């Protein structure tokens, strides 16, 4: 996620993150982020479990979530959207696509 972090910092966003799946929920609860960028492969047991946990907690249920998926997971995009993701991006991350997805997700949730 190094490129994602660099891209979002360059676009002016403040970033807090963890590469340890079990820590992400505490980080979300304690930091009240405007958006969560979630690597579906490494978070908890998988991205489906992660979003289920986020949506079950009152303090995190409305956070927009963009999933980062592995190449070959294109057929799973709708599954992650149906579970509550606001967008999905397939690796390798394209900086322009990421920035556009973040702004779009933030705009939809601020309405």
PDB file of N, CA and C in Angstrom:
ATOM      1  N   UNK A   1       0.821  -1.198   0.000  1.00  0.00           N
ATOM      2  CA  UNK A   1       0.000   0.000   0.000  1.00  0.00           C
ATOM      3  C   UNK A   1       0.860   1.255   0.000  1.00  0.00           C
ATOM      4  N   UNK A   2       2.145   1.112  -0.190  1.00  0.00           N
ATOM      5  CA  UNK A   2       3.036   2.258  -0.196  1.00  0.00           C
ATOM      6  C   UNK A   2       2.660   3.297  -1.233  1.00  0.00           C
ATOM      7  N   UNK A   3       2.333   2.850  -2.451  1.00  0.00           N
ATOM      8  CA  UNK A   3       1.938   3.783  -3.499  1.00  0.00           C
ATOM      9  C   UNK A   3       0.635   4.484  -3.141  1.00  0.00           C
ATOM     10  N   UNK A   4      -0.280   3.766  -2.534  1.00  0.00           N
ATOM     11  CA  UNK A   4      -1.560   4.369  -2.126  1.00  0.00           C
ATOM     12  C   UNK A   4      -1.328   5.464  -1.096  1.00  0.00           C
ATOM     13  N   UNK A   5      -0.506   5.182  -0.109  1.00  0.00           N
ATOM     14  CA  UNK A   5      -0.207   6.170   0.931  1.00  0.00           C
ATOM     15  C   UNK A   5       0.459   7.397   0.315  1.00  0.00           C
ATOM     16  N   UNK A   6       1.458   7.178  -0.525  1.00  0.00           N
ATOM     17  CA  UNK A   6       2.147   8.288  -1.184  1.00  0.00           C
ATOM     18  C   UNK A   6       1.166   9.120  -2.010  1.00  0.00           C
ATOM     19  N   UNK A   7       0.342   8.448  -2.795  1.00  0.00           N
ATOM     20  CA  UNK A   7      -0.624   9.134  -3.665  1.00  0.00           C
ATOM     21  C   UNK A   7      -1.584   9.993  -2.864  1.00  0.00           C
ATOM     22  N   UNK A   8      -2.107   9.438  -1.785  1.00  0.00           N
ATOM     23  CA  UNK A   8      -3.088  10.185  -1.000  1.00  0.00           C
ATOM     24  C   UNK A   8      -2.445  11.319  -0.212  1.00  0.00           C
ATOM     25  N   UNK A   9      -1.252  11.117   0.281  1.00  0.00           N
ATOM     26  CA  UNK A   9      -0.551  12.234   0.950  1.00  0.00           C
ATOM     27  C   UNK A   9      -0.268  13.348  -0.043  1.00  0.00           C
ATOM     28  N   UNK A  10       0.161  12.981  -1.251  1.00  0.00           N
ATOM     29  CA  UNK A  10       0.444  13.968  -2.293  1.00  0.00           C
ATOM     30  C   UNK A  10      -0.821  14.747  -2.656  1.00  0.00           C
ATOM     31  N   UNK A  11      -1.971  14.078  -2.585  1.00  0.00           N
ATOM     32  CA  UNK A  11      -3.255  14.736  -2.883  1.00  0.00           C
ATOM     33  C   UNK A  11      -3.761  15.570  -1.705  1.00  0.00           C
ATOM     34  N   UNK A  12      -3.023  15.566  -0.584  1.00  0.00           N
ATOM     35  CA  UNK A  12      -3.387  16.413   0.547  1.00  0.00           C
ATOM     36  C   UNK A  12      -4.124  15.728   1.676  1.00  0.00           C
ATOM     37  N   UNK A  13      -4.210  14.410   1.617  1.00  0.00           N
ATOM     38  CA  UNK A  13      -4.914  13.684   2.676  1.00  0.00           C
ATOM     39  C   UNK A  13      -3.980  13.331   3.820  1.00  0.00           C
ATOM     40  N   UNK A  14      -4.531  13.310   5.007  1.00  0.00           N
ATOM     41  CA  UNK A  14      -3.823  12.851   6.201  1.00  0.00           C
ATOM     42  C   UNK A  14      -4.069  11.342   6.302  1.00  0.00           C
ATOM     43  N   UNK A  15      -3.014  10.589   6.539  1.00  0.00           N
ATOM     44  CA  UNK A  15      -3.099   9.133   6.506  1.00  0.00           C
ATOM     45  C   UNK A  15      -2.744   8.545   7.870  1.00  0.00           C
ATOM     46  N   UNK A  16      -3.539   7.589   8.305  1.00  0.00           N
ATOM     47  CA  UNK A  16      -3.212   6.751   9.464  1.00  0.00           C
ATOM     48  C   UNK A  16      -3.444   5.324   8.997  1.00  0.00           C
ATOM     49  N   UNK A  17      -2.536   4.437   9.311  1.00  0.00           N
ATOM     50  CA  UNK A  17      -2.720   3.088   8.806  1.00  0.00           C
ATOM     51  C   UNK A  17      -1.982   2.036   9.595  1.00  0.00           C
ATOM     52  N   UNK A  18      -2.312   0.813   9.233  1.00  0.00           N
ATOM     53  CA  UNK A  18      -1.666  -0.345   9.820  1.00  0.00           C
ATOM     54  C   UNK A  18      -1.639  -1.454   8.786  1.00  0.00           C
ATOM     55  N   UNK A  19      -0.617  -2.275   8.853  1.00  0.00           N
ATOM     56  CA  UNK A  19      -0.562  -3.445   7.979  1.00  0.00           C
ATOM     57  C   UNK A  19      -0.949  -4.703   8.752  1.00  0.00           C
ATOM     58  N   UNK A  20      -1.310  -4.524  10.005  1.00  0.00           N
ATOM     59  CA  UNK A  20      -1.733  -5.648  10.845  1.00  0.00           C
ATOM     60  C   UNK A  20      -3.254  -5.657  10.879  1.00  0.00           C
ATOM     61  N   UNK A  21      -3.843  -6.703  10.312  1.00  0.00           N
ATOM     62  CA  UNK A  21      -5.291  -6.766  10.159  1.00  0.00           C
ATOM     63  C   UNK A  21      -6.067  -6.576  11.438  1.00  0.00           C
ATOM     64  N   UNK A  22      -5.588  -7.141  12.530  1.00  0.00           N
ATOM     65  CA  UNK A  22      -6.338  -7.068  13.782  1.00  0.00           C
ATOM     66  C   UNK A  22      -6.363  -5.656  14.371  1.00  0.00           C
ATOM     67  N   UNK A  23      -5.432  -4.812  13.981  1.00  0.00           N
ATOM     68  CA  UNK A  23      -5.366  -3.460  14.525  1.00  0.00           C
ATOM     69  C   UNK A  23      -6.271  -2.462  13.801  1.00  0.00           C
ATOM     70  N   UNK A  24      -6.744  -2.830  12.606  1.00  0.00           N
ATOM     71  CA  UNK A  24      -7.435  -1.832  11.803  1.00  0.00           C
ATOM     72  C   UNK A  24      -8.736  -1.355  12.445  1.00  0.00           C
ATOM     73  N   UNK A  25      -9.465  -2.234  13.122  1.00  0.00           N
ATOM     74  CA  UNK A  25     -10.736  -1.821  13.728  1.00  0.00           C
ATOM     75  C   UNK A  25     -10.505  -0.809  14.846  1.00  0.00           C
ATOM     76  N   UNK A  26      -9.525  -1.055  15.703  1.00  0.00           N
ATOM     77  CA  UNK A  26      -9.203  -0.087  16.763  1.00  0.00           C
ATOM     78  C   UNK A  26      -8.754   1.240  16.163  1.00  0.00           C
ATOM     79  N   UNK A  27      -7.978   1.179  15.103  1.00  0.00           N
ATOM     80  CA  UNK A  27      -7.525   2.397  14.438  1.00  0.00           C
ATOM     81  C   UNK A  27      -8.725   3.177  13.886  1.00  0.00           C
ATOM     82  N   UNK A  28      -9.671   2.470  13.294  1.00  0.00           N
ATOM     83  CA  UNK A  28     -10.866   3.130  12.756  1.00  0.00           C
ATOM     84  C   UNK A  28     -11.695   3.761  13.864  1.00  0.00           C
ATOM     85  N   UNK A  29     -11.896   3.037  14.954  1.00  0.00           N
ATOM     86  CA  UNK A  29     -12.698   3.551  16.070  1.00  0.00           C
ATOM     87  C   UNK A  29     -12.031   4.761  16.714  1.00  0.00           C
ATOM     88  N   UNK A  30     -10.731   4.688  16.930  1.00  0.00           N
ATOM     89  CA  UNK A  30     -10.016   5.754  17.633  1.00  0.00           C
ATOM     90  C   UNK A  30      -9.743   6.986  16.785  1.00  0.00           C
ATOM     91  N   UNK A  31      -9.637   6.841  15.463  1.00  0.00           N
ATOM     92  CA  UNK A  31      -9.276   7.960  14.596  1.00  0.00           C
ATOM     93  C   UNK A  31     -10.445   8.582  13.839  1.00  0.00           C
ATOM     94  N   UNK A  32     -11.589   7.933  13.823  1.00  0.00           N
ATOM     95  CA  UNK A  32     -12.766   8.438  13.116  1.00  0.00           C
ATOM     96  C   UNK A  32     -12.405   8.964  11.721  1.00  0.00           C
ATOM     97  N   UNK A  33     -11.910   8.082  10.852  1.00  0.00           N
ATOM     98  CA  UNK A  33     -11.467   8.547   9.534  1.00  0.00           C
ATOM     99  C   UNK A  33     -12.629   8.952   8.635  1.00  0.00           C
ATOM    100  N   UNK A  34     -12.319   9.783   7.653  1.00  0.00           N
ATOM    101  CA  UNK A  34     -13.317  10.152   6.659  1.00  0.00           C
ATOM    102  C   UNK A  34     -13.556   9.003   5.688  1.00  0.00           C
ATOM    103  N   UNK A  35     -12.560   8.118   5.559  1.00  0.00           N
ATOM    104  CA  UNK A  35     -12.631   7.020   4.604  1.00  0.00           C
ATOM    105  C   UNK A  35     -11.661   5.930   5.031  1.00  0.00           C
ATOM    106  N   UNK A  36     -11.990   4.685   4.712  1.00  0.00           N
ATOM    107  CA  UNK A  36     -11.108   3.554   4.995  1.00  0.00           C
ATOM    108  C   UNK A  36     -10.709   2.914   3.672  1.00  0.00           C
ATOM    109  N   UNK A  37      -9.419   2.767   3.471  1.00  0.00           N
ATOM    110  CA  UNK A  37      -8.860   2.057   2.329  1.00  0.00           C
ATOM    111  C   UNK A  37      -8.434   0.698   2.856  1.00  0.00           C
ATOM    112  N   UNK A  38      -9.054  -0.355   2.349  1.00  0.00           N
ATOM    113  CA  UNK A  38      -8.922  -1.673   2.952  1.00  0.00           C
ATOM    114  C   UNK A  38      -8.412  -2.683   1.940  1.00  0.00           C
ATOM    115  N   UNK A  39      -7.244  -3.244   2.205  1.00  0.00           N
ATOM    116  CA  UNK A  39      -6.717  -4.314   1.362  1.00  0.00           C
ATOM    117  C   UNK A  39      -7.471  -5.591   1.719  1.00  0.00           C
ATOM    118  N   UNK A  40      -8.275  -6.065   0.800  1.00  0.00           N
ATOM    119  CA  UNK A  40      -9.143  -7.213   1.069  1.00  0.00           C
ATOM    120  C   UNK A  40      -8.358  -8.475   1.398  1.00  0.00           C
ATOM    121  N   UNK A  41      -7.115  -8.546   0.960  1.00  0.00           N
ATOM    122  CA  UNK A  41      -6.316  -9.747   1.166  1.00  0.00           C
ATOM    123  C   UNK A  41      -5.760  -9.860   2.583  1.00  0.00           C
ATOM    124  N   UNK A  42      -5.365  -8.764   3.186  1.00  0.00           N
ATOM    125  CA  UNK A  42      -4.644  -8.865   4.451  1.00  0.00           C
ATOM    126  C   UNK A  42      -5.457  -8.489   5.678  1.00  0.00           C
ATOM    127  N   UNK A  43      -6.629  -7.923   5.508  1.00  0.00           N
ATOM    128  CA  UNK A  43      -7.368  -7.432   6.647  1.00  0.00           C
ATOM    129  C   UNK A  43      -8.144  -8.547   7.326  1.00  0.00           C
ATOM    130  N   UNK A  44      -7.865  -8.758   8.584  1.00  0.00           N
ATOM    131  CA  UNK A  44      -8.500  -9.797   9.384  1.00  0.00           C
ATOM    132  C   UNK A  44      -8.404 -11.120   8.614  1.00  0.00           C
ATOM    133  N   UNK A  45      -9.490 -11.843   8.473  1.00  0.00           N
ATOM    134  CA  UNK A  45      -9.446 -13.086   7.711  1.00  0.00           C
ATOM    135  C   UNK A  45      -9.640 -12.817   6.234  1.00  0.00           C
ATOM    136  N   UNK A  46     -10.440 -11.827   5.903  1.00  0.00           N
ATOM    137  CA  UNK A  46     -10.622 -11.387   4.520  1.00  0.00           C
ATOM    138  C   UNK A  46     -11.447 -10.105   4.528  1.00  0.00           C
ATOM    139  N   UNK A  47     -11.583  -9.506   3.365  1.00  0.00           N
ATOM    140  CA  UNK A  47     -12.309  -8.246   3.284  1.00  0.00           C
ATOM    141  C   UNK A  47     -13.774  -8.356   3.655  1.00  0.00           C
ATOM    142  N   UNK A  48     -14.388  -9.491   3.349  1.00  0.00           N
ATOM    143  CA  UNK A  48     -15.805  -9.671   3.691  1.00  0.00           C
ATOM    144  C   UNK A  48     -16.011  -9.645   5.198  1.00  0.00           C
ATOM    145  N   UNK A  49     -15.127 -10.291   5.924  1.00  0.00           N
ATOM    146  CA  UNK A  49     -15.210 -10.296   7.388  1.00  0.00           C
ATOM    147  C   UNK A  49     -14.930  -8.899   7.941  1.00  0.00           C
ATOM    148  N   UNK A  50     -13.989  -8.203   7.339  1.00  0.00           N
ATOM    149  CA  UNK A  50     -13.639  -6.862   7.801  1.00  0.00           C
ATOM    150  C   UNK A  50     -14.812  -5.897   7.682  1.00  0.00           C
ATOM    151  N   UNK A  51     -15.464  -5.890   6.532  1.00  0.00           N
ATOM    152  CA  UNK A  51     -16.574  -4.947   6.359  1.00  0.00           C
ATOM    153  C   UNK A  51     -17.762  -5.339   7.229  1.00  0.00           C
ATOM    154  N   UNK A  52     -17.950  -6.621   7.428  1.00  0.00           N
ATOM    155  CA  UNK A  52     -19.017  -7.086   8.317  1.00  0.00           C
ATOM    156  C   UNK A  52     -18.784  -6.552   9.733  1.00  0.00           C
ATOM    157  N   UNK A  53     -17.552  -6.604  10.189  1.00  0.00           N
ATOM    158  CA  UNK A  53     -17.202  -6.099  11.520  1.00  0.00           C
ATOM    159  C   UNK A  53     -17.396  -4.588  11.589  1.00  0.00           C
ATOM    160  N   UNK A  54     -16.952  -3.869  10.555  1.00  0.00           N
ATOM    161  CA  UNK A  54     -17.119  -2.413  10.530  1.00  0.00           C
ATOM    162  C   UNK A  54     -18.596  -2.017  10.563  1.00  0.00           C
ATOM    163  N   UNK A  55     -19.402  -2.673   9.773  1.00  0.00           N
ATOM    164  CA  UNK A  55     -20.812  -2.320   9.668  1.00  0.00           C
ATOM    165  C   UNK A  55     -21.605  -2.702  10.917  1.00  0.00           C
ATOM    166  N   UNK A  56     -21.080  -3.606  11.717  1.00  0.00           N
ATOM    167  CA  UNK A  56     -21.771  -4.037  12.935  1.00  0.00           C
ATOM    168  C   UNK A  56     -21.563  -3.077  14.103  1.00  0.00           C
ATOM    169  N   UNK A  57     -20.575  -2.222  14.041  1.00  0.00           N
ATOM    170  CA  UNK A  57     -20.263  -1.301  15.136  1.00  0.00           C
ATOM    171  C   UNK A  57     -20.848   0.082  14.834  1.00  0.00           C
ATOM    172  N   UNK A  58     -21.611   0.656  15.766  1.00  0.00           N
ATOM    173  CA  UNK A  58     -22.223   1.970  15.531  1.00  0.00           C
ATOM    174  C   UNK A  58     -21.210   3.052  15.163  1.00  0.00           C
ATOM    175  N   UNK A  59     -20.029   3.000  15.763  1.00  0.00           N
ATOM    176  CA  UNK A  59     -19.044   4.046  15.526  1.00  0.00           C
ATOM    177  C   UNK A  59     -18.319   3.928  14.191  1.00  0.00           C
ATOM    178  N   UNK A  60     -18.466   2.808  13.480  1.00  0.00           N
ATOM    179  CA  UNK A  60     -17.780   2.640  12.196  1.00  0.00           C
ATOM    180  C   UNK A  60     -18.726   2.267  11.049  1.00  0.00           C
ATOM    181  N   UNK A  61     -20.000   2.113  11.332  1.00  0.00           N
ATOM    182  CA  UNK A  61     -20.902   1.579  10.313  1.00  0.00           C
ATOM    183  C   UNK A  61     -21.088   2.489   9.101  1.00  0.00           C
ATOM    184  N   UNK A  62     -20.889   3.780   9.245  1.00  0.00           N
ATOM    185  CA  UNK A  62     -21.127   4.681   8.118  1.00  0.00           C
ATOM    186  C   UNK A  62     -19.844   5.110   7.388  1.00  0.00           C
ATOM    187  N   UNK A  63     -18.691   4.626   7.818  1.00  0.00           N
ATOM    188  CA  UNK A  63     -17.444   5.002   7.153  1.00  0.00           C
ATOM    189  C   UNK A  63     -17.426   4.463   5.722  1.00  0.00           C
ATOM    190  N   UNK A  64     -17.095   5.307   4.739  1.00  0.00           N
ATOM    191  CA  UNK A  64     -16.935   4.779   3.387  1.00  0.00           C
ATOM    192  C   UNK A  64     -15.692   3.881   3.335  1.00  0.00           C
ATOM    193  N   UNK A  65     -15.803   2.791   2.593  1.00  0.00           N
ATOM    194  CA  UNK A  65     -14.720   1.817   2.496  1.00  0.00           C
ATOM    195  C   UNK A  65     -14.411   1.543   1.028  1.00  0.00           C
ATOM    196  N   UNK A  66     -13.161   1.767   0.648  1.00  0.00           N
ATOM    197  CA  UNK A  66     -12.684   1.397  -0.682  1.00  0.00           C
ATOM    198  C   UNK A  66     -11.815   0.160  -0.514  1.00  0.00           C
ATOM    199  N   UNK A  67     -12.187  -0.907  -1.205  1.00  0.00           N
ATOM    200  CA  UNK A  67     -11.410  -2.142  -1.152  1.00  0.00           C
ATOM    201  C   UNK A  67     -10.326  -2.141  -2.219  1.00  0.00           C
ATOM    202  N   UNK A  68      -9.157  -2.621  -1.840  1.00  0.00           N
ATOM    203  CA  UNK A  68      -8.066  -2.864  -2.769  1.00  0.00           C
ATOM    204  C   UNK A  68      -8.030  -4.367  -3.002  1.00  0.00           C
ATOM    205  N   UNK A  69      -8.230  -4.775  -4.253  1.00  0.00           N
ATOM    206  CA  UNK A  69      -8.301  -6.186  -4.594  1.00  0.00           C
ATOM    207  C   UNK A  69      -7.080  -6.613  -5.410  1.00  0.00           C
ATOM    208  N   UNK A  70      -6.819  -7.887  -5.397  1.00  0.00           N
ATOM    209  CA  UNK A  70      -5.706  -8.462  -6.144  1.00  0.00           C
ATOM    210  C   UNK A  70      -6.086  -8.651  -7.617  1.00  0.00           C
ATOM    211  N   UNK A  71      -5.093  -8.652  -8.505  1.00  0.00           N
ATOM    212  CA  UNK A  71      -5.401  -9.001  -9.893  1.00  0.00           C
ATOM    213  C   UNK A  71      -6.065 -10.379  -9.919  1.00  0.00           C
ATOM    214  N   UNK A  72      -7.056 -10.537 -10.752  1.00  0.00           N
ATOM    215  CA  UNK A  72      -7.795 -11.790 -10.811  1.00  0.00           C
ATOM    216  C   UNK A  72      -9.059 -11.776  -9.964  1.00  0.00           C
ATOM    217  N   UNK A  73      -9.244 -10.725  -9.160  1.00  0.00           N
ATOM    218  CA  UNK A  73     -10.448 -10.618  -8.331  1.00  0.00           C
ATOM    219  C   UNK A  73     -11.500  -9.699  -8.954  1.00  0.00           C
ATOM    220  N   UNK A  74     -11.349  -9.394 -10.224  1.00  0.00           N
ATOM    221  CA  UNK A  74     -12.287  -8.493 -10.882  1.00  0.00           C
ATOM    222  C   UNK A  74     -13.732  -8.993 -10.750  1.00  0.00           C
ATOM    223  N   UNK A  75     -13.903 -10.301 -10.766  1.00  0.00           N
ATOM    224  CA  UNK A  75     -15.257 -10.857 -10.663  1.00  0.00           C
ATOM    225  C   UNK A  75     -15.822 -10.768  -9.250  1.00  0.00           C
ATOM    226  N   UNK A  76     -15.043 -10.290  -8.272  1.00  0.00           N
ATOM    227  CA  UNK A  76     -15.502 -10.156  -6.892  1.00  0.00           C
ATOM    228  C   UNK A  76     -15.880  -8.723  -6.523  1.00  0.00           C
ATOM    229  N   UNK A  77     -15.710  -7.792  -7.433  1.00  0.00           N
ATOM    230  CA  UNK A  77     -15.998  -6.380  -7.145  1.00  0.00           C
ATOM    231  C   UNK A  77     -17.427  -6.213  -6.642  1.00  0.00           C
ATOM    232  N   UNK A  78     -18.393  -6.779  -7.347  1.00  0.00           N
ATOM    233  CA  UNK A  78     -19.789  -6.609  -6.950  1.00  0.00           C
ATOM    234  C   UNK A  78     -20.051  -7.186  -5.563  1.00  0.00           C
ATOM    235  N   UNK A  79     -19.382  -8.282  -5.230  1.00  0.00           N
ATOM    236  CA  UNK A  79     -19.538  -8.886  -3.899  1.00  0.00           C
ATOM    237  C   UNK A  79     -19.136  -7.894  -2.814  1.00  0.00           C
ATOM    238  N   UNK A  80     -18.016  -7.207  -3.001  1.00  0.00           N
ATOM    239  CA  UNK A  80     -17.560  -6.239  -2.005  1.00  0.00           C
ATOM    240  C   UNK A  80     -18.448  -5.001  -1.965  1.00  0.00           C
ATOM    241  N   UNK A  81     -18.969  -4.586  -3.093  1.00  0.00           N
ATOM    242  CA  UNK A  81     -19.906  -3.458  -3.114  1.00  0.00           C
ATOM    243  C   UNK A  81     -21.210  -3.838  -2.416  1.00  0.00           C
ATOM    244  N   UNK A  82     -21.695  -5.046  -2.667  1.00  0.00           N
ATOM    245  CA  UNK A  82     -22.927  -5.521  -2.029  1.00  0.00           C
ATOM    246  C   UNK A  82     -22.783  -5.631  -0.512  1.00  0.00           C
ATOM    247  N   UNK A  83     -21.579  -5.872  -0.038  1.00  0.00           N
ATOM    248  CA  UNK A  83     -21.346  -6.006   1.402  1.00  0.00           C
ATOM    249  C   UNK A  83     -21.149  -4.655   2.089  1.00  0.00           C
ATOM    250  N   UNK A  84     -21.135  -3.569   1.300  1.00  0.00           N
ATOM    251  CA  UNK A  84     -21.036  -2.249   1.913  1.00  0.00           C
ATOM    252  C   UNK A  84     -19.844  -1.421   1.491  1.00  0.00           C
ATOM    253  N   UNK A  85     -19.025  -1.925   0.594  1.00  0.00           N
ATOM    254  CA  UNK A  85     -17.919  -1.118   0.081  1.00  0.00           C
ATOM    255  C   UNK A  85     -18.459  -0.002  -0.799  1.00  0.00           C
ATOM    256  N   UNK A  86     -17.770   1.124  -0.819  1.00  0.00           N
ATOM    257  CA  UNK A  86     -18.202   2.224  -1.673  1.00  0.00           C
ATOM    258  C   UNK A  86     -17.529   2.177  -3.032  1.00  0.00           C
ATOM    259  N   UNK A  87     -16.392   1.470  -3.113  1.00  0.00           N
ATOM    260  CA  UNK A  87     -15.679   1.321  -4.377  1.00  0.00           C
ATOM    261  C   UNK A  87     -14.653   0.217  -4.216  1.00  0.00           C
ATOM    262  N   UNK A  88     -14.132  -0.246  -5.346  1.00  0.00           N
ATOM    263  CA  UNK A  88     -13.063  -1.247  -5.359  1.00  0.00           C
ATOM    264  C   UNK A  88     -12.036  -0.845  -6.406  1.00  0.00           C
ATOM    265  N   UNK A  89     -10.779  -1.095  -6.097  1.00  0.00           N
ATOM    266  CA  UNK A  89      -9.681  -0.833  -7.015  1.00  0.00           C
ATOM    267  C   UNK A  89      -8.862  -2.114  -7.112  1.00  0.00           C
ATOM    268  N   UNK A  90      -8.505  -2.471  -8.337  1.00  0.00           N
ATOM    269  CA  UNK A  90      -7.697  -3.665  -8.568  1.00  0.00           C
ATOM    270  C   UNK A  90      -6.220  -3.259  -8.652  1.00  0.00           C
ATOM    271  N   UNK A  91      -5.353  -4.013  -7.957  1.00  0.00           N
ATOM    272  CA  UNK A  91      -3.916  -3.785  -8.055  1.00  0.00           C
ATOM    273  C   UNK A  91      -3.446  -4.150  -9.458  1.00  0.00           C
ATOM    274  N   UNK A  92      -2.407  -3.548  -9.980  1.00  0.00           N
ATOM    275  CA  UNK A  92      -1.615  -2.492  -9.360  1.00  0.00           C
ATOM    276  C   UNK A  92      -2.412  -1.185  -9.307  1.00  0.00           C
ATOM    277  N   UNK A  93      -2.170  -0.452  -8.254  1.00  0.00           N
ATOM    278  CA  UNK A  93      -2.924   0.778  -8.014  1.00  0.00           C
ATOM    279  C   UNK A  93      -2.488   1.857  -9.001  1.00  0.00           C
ATOM    280  N   UNK A  94      -3.481   2.427  -9.663  1.00  0.00           N
ATOM    281  CA  UNK A  94      -3.258   3.568 -10.539  1.00  0.00           C
ATOM    282  C   UNK A  94      -3.536   4.822  -9.704  1.00  0.00           C
ATOM    283  N   UNK A  95      -2.546   5.700  -9.524  1.00  0.00           N
ATOM    284  CA  UNK A  95      -2.739   6.880  -8.668  1.00  0.00           C
ATOM    285  C   UNK A  95      -3.945   7.736  -9.040  1.00  0.00           C
ATOM    286  N   UNK A  96      -4.172   7.935 -10.334  1.00  0.00           N
ATOM    287  CA  UNK A  96      -5.318   8.746 -10.749  1.00  0.00           C
ATOM    288  C   UNK A  96      -6.638   8.067 -10.405  1.00  0.00           C
ATOM    289  N   UNK A  97      -6.712   6.759 -10.627  1.00  0.00           N
ATOM    290  CA  UNK A  97      -7.928   6.011 -10.296  1.00  0.00           C
ATOM    291  C   UNK A  97      -8.189   6.044  -8.792  1.00  0.00           C
ATOM    292  N   UNK A  98      -7.136   5.896  -7.992  1.00  0.00           N
ATOM    293  CA  UNK A  98      -7.284   5.925  -6.538  1.00  0.00           C
ATOM    294  C   UNK A  98      -7.792   7.280  -6.072  1.00  0.00           C
ATOM    295  N   UNK A  99      -7.176   8.335  -6.543  1.00  0.00           N
ATOM    296  CA  UNK A  99      -7.583   9.684  -6.142  1.00  0.00           C
ATOM    297  C   UNK A  99      -9.033   9.949  -6.541  1.00  0.00           C
ATOM    298  N   UNK A 100      -9.402   9.550  -7.743  1.00  0.00           N
ATOM    299  CA  UNK A 100     -10.778   9.729  -8.209  1.00  0.00           C
ATOM    300  C   UNK A 100     -11.755   8.935  -7.340  1.00  0.00           C
ATOM    301  N   UNK A 101     -11.397   7.694  -7.002  1.00  0.00           N
ATOM    302  CA  UNK A 101     -12.272   6.862  -6.164  1.00  0.00           C
ATOM    303  C   UNK A 101     -12.445   7.456  -4.771  1.00  0.00           C
ATOM    304  N   UNK A 102     -11.375   7.991  -4.210  1.00  0.00           N
ATOM    305  CA  UNK A 102     -11.444   8.594  -2.878  1.00  0.00           C
ATOM    306  C   UNK A 102     -12.351   9.827  -2.901  1.00  0.00           C
ATOM    307  N   UNK A 103     -12.114  10.730  -3.843  1.00  0.00           N
ATOM    308  CA  UNK A 103     -12.955  11.932  -3.919  1.00  0.00           C
ATOM    309  C   UNK A 103     -14.419  11.573  -4.170  1.00  0.00           C
ATOM    310  N   UNK A 104     -14.658  10.607  -5.036  1.00  0.00           N
ATOM    311  CA  UNK A 104     -16.025  10.180  -5.340  1.00  0.00           C
ATOM    312  C   UNK A 104     -16.709   9.579  -4.108  1.00  0.00           C
ATOM    313  N   UNK A 105     -15.999   8.724  -3.381  1.00  0.00           N
ATOM    314  CA  UNK A 105     -16.566   8.101  -2.174  1.00  0.00           C
ATOM    315  C   UNK A 105     -16.854   9.144  -1.108  1.00  0.00           C
ATOM    316  N   UNK A 106     -15.951  10.087  -0.944  1.00  0.00           N
ATOM    317  CA  UNK A 106     -16.159  11.142   0.053  1.00  0.00           C
ATOM    318  C   UNK A 106     -17.348  12.021  -0.327  1.00  0.00           C
ATOM    319  N   UNK A 107     -17.467  12.337  -1.594  1.00  0.00           N
ATOM    320  CA  UNK A 107     -18.567  13.171  -2.060  1.00  0.00           C
ATOM    321  C   UNK A 107     -19.913  12.482  -1.835  1.00  0.00           C
ATOM    322  N   UNK A 108     -19.990  11.181  -2.123  1.00  0.00           N
ATOM    323  CA  UNK A 108     -21.248  10.431  -1.941  1.00  0.00           C
ATOM    324  C   UNK A 108     -21.644  10.365  -0.481  1.00  0.00           C
ATOM    325  N   UNK A 109     -20.673  10.237   0.421  1.00  0.00           N
ATOM    326  CA  UNK A 109     -21.013  10.071   1.837  1.00  0.00           C
ATOM    327  C   UNK A 109     -21.239  11.394   2.545  1.00  0.00           C
ATOM    328  N   UNK A 110     -20.829  12.490   1.960  1.00  0.00           N
ATOM    329  CA  UNK A 110     -21.026  13.817   2.589  1.00  0.00           C
ATOM    330  C   UNK A 110     -22.385  14.397   2.295  1.00  0.00           C
ATOM    331  N   UNK A 111     -23.128  13.784   1.372  1.00  0.00           N
ATOM    332  CA  UNK A 111     -24.446  14.313   1.000  1.00  0.00           C
ATOM    333  C   UNK A 111     -25.447  14.136   2.088  1.00  0.00           C
TER     334      UNK A 111
END
